[in-house]
Each structure stands twice: as C-alpha cells, then as structure tokens.
C-alpha cells in the first residue's frame, strides 16, 4: 500500500481537486489505483 501527497518544492502547497457541486472551500485529495 502506498499513500502519497503531491507537494511543491517549497513544501507550502499540495495538489487537491474539487468538483463544481462541492460547497465553497471544500476540496478533496486525489486518489487512484494501480495494479
């Protein structure tokens, strides 16, 4: 099992996403599966 977080070089930002149906300021972490 691998859990990772995409960050920038300065370590002050992370990669998140949001859907248009989310309430304002609600974000989610990207997830995926590799076999």
N, C-alpha and C. Protein backbone atom coordinates (compact mmCIF):
# COMPACT_ATOMS: atom_id res chain seq x y z
N UNK A 1 0.85 -1.18 0.00
CA UNK A 1 0.00 0.00 0.00
C UNK A 1 0.89 1.23 0.00
N UNK A 2 0.57 2.19 -0.85
CA UNK A 2 1.31 3.44 -0.92
C UNK A 2 0.33 4.59 -0.81
N UNK A 3 0.61 5.50 0.09
CA UNK A 3 -0.16 6.74 0.22
C UNK A 3 0.82 7.88 0.00
N UNK A 4 0.51 8.77 -0.95
CA UNK A 4 1.44 9.87 -1.21
C UNK A 4 0.68 11.17 -1.39
N UNK A 5 1.42 12.25 -1.22
CA UNK A 5 0.86 13.60 -1.33
C UNK A 5 1.77 14.40 -2.25
N UNK A 6 1.20 15.03 -3.27
CA UNK A 6 1.98 15.82 -4.21
C UNK A 6 2.14 17.22 -3.65
N UNK A 7 3.41 17.63 -3.44
CA UNK A 7 3.70 18.95 -2.88
C UNK A 7 4.65 19.70 -3.82
N UNK A 8 4.78 21.01 -3.62
CA UNK A 8 5.73 21.78 -4.42
C UNK A 8 7.09 21.80 -3.73
N UNK A 9 8.07 22.39 -4.39
CA UNK A 9 9.44 22.37 -3.87
C UNK A 9 9.59 23.11 -2.55
N UNK A 10 8.78 24.13 -2.32
CA UNK A 10 8.86 24.89 -1.07
C UNK A 10 8.06 24.24 0.06
N UNK A 11 7.36 23.15 -0.23
CA UNK A 11 6.55 22.42 0.76
C UNK A 11 5.47 23.27 1.40
N UNK A 12 4.92 24.24 0.64
CA UNK A 12 3.85 25.04 1.22
C UNK A 12 2.55 24.93 0.42
N UNK A 13 2.50 24.05 -0.59
CA UNK A 13 1.28 23.83 -1.36
C UNK A 13 1.15 22.34 -1.67
N UNK A 14 -0.09 21.86 -1.75
CA UNK A 14 -0.37 20.47 -2.12
C UNK A 14 -1.36 20.45 -3.28
N UNK A 15 -1.37 19.35 -4.03
CA UNK A 15 -2.27 19.20 -5.16
C UNK A 15 -3.59 18.60 -4.69
N UNK A 16 -4.66 19.37 -4.80
CA UNK A 16 -6.01 18.94 -4.45
C UNK A 16 -6.93 19.20 -5.64
N UNK A 17 -8.14 18.68 -5.57
CA UNK A 17 -9.11 18.93 -6.63
C UNK A 17 -10.47 19.24 -6.00
N UNK A 18 -11.36 19.74 -6.83
CA UNK A 18 -12.72 19.97 -6.35
C UNK A 18 -13.68 19.83 -7.50
N UNK A 19 -14.90 19.42 -7.18
CA UNK A 19 -15.97 19.33 -8.18
C UNK A 19 -16.86 20.55 -8.04
N UNK A 20 -17.51 20.91 -9.11
CA UNK A 20 -18.36 22.10 -9.08
C UNK A 20 -19.54 21.95 -8.12
N UNK A 21 -19.93 20.72 -7.81
CA UNK A 21 -21.07 20.52 -6.89
C UNK A 21 -20.67 20.65 -5.42
N UNK A 22 -19.37 20.68 -5.12
CA UNK A 22 -18.91 20.84 -3.74
C UNK A 22 -19.30 22.22 -3.21
N UNK A 23 -19.47 22.30 -1.91
CA UNK A 23 -19.70 23.60 -1.28
C UNK A 23 -18.41 24.41 -1.37
N UNK A 24 -18.49 25.73 -1.34
CA UNK A 24 -17.28 26.54 -1.43
C UNK A 24 -16.24 26.15 -0.37
N UNK A 25 -14.99 26.18 -0.75
CA UNK A 25 -13.84 25.87 0.10
C UNK A 25 -13.75 24.40 0.48
N UNK A 26 -14.49 23.51 -0.20
CA UNK A 26 -14.39 22.08 0.05
C UNK A 26 -13.53 21.47 -1.05
N UNK A 27 -12.47 20.77 -0.67
CA UNK A 27 -11.52 20.18 -1.60
C UNK A 27 -11.34 18.71 -1.27
N UNK A 28 -10.83 17.93 -2.21
CA UNK A 28 -10.57 16.52 -1.94
C UNK A 28 -9.17 16.15 -2.42
N UNK A 29 -8.62 15.15 -1.77
CA UNK A 29 -7.31 14.63 -2.13
C UNK A 29 -7.48 13.71 -3.35
N UNK A 30 -6.53 13.75 -4.27
CA UNK A 30 -6.59 12.88 -5.43
C UNK A 30 -6.23 11.46 -5.00
N UNK A 31 -6.92 10.48 -5.58
CA UNK A 31 -6.66 9.09 -5.24
C UNK A 31 -6.69 8.25 -6.51
N UNK A 32 -6.03 7.14 -6.48
CA UNK A 32 -6.02 6.27 -7.65
C UNK A 32 -5.63 4.85 -7.27
N UNK A 33 -5.66 3.98 -8.27
CA UNK A 33 -5.36 2.57 -8.06
C UNK A 33 -4.46 2.10 -9.19
N UNK A 34 -3.44 1.36 -8.86
CA UNK A 34 -2.53 0.80 -9.86
C UNK A 34 -2.33 -0.67 -9.55
N UNK A 35 -2.57 -1.51 -10.55
CA UNK A 35 -2.45 -2.94 -10.33
C UNK A 35 -1.16 -3.45 -10.90
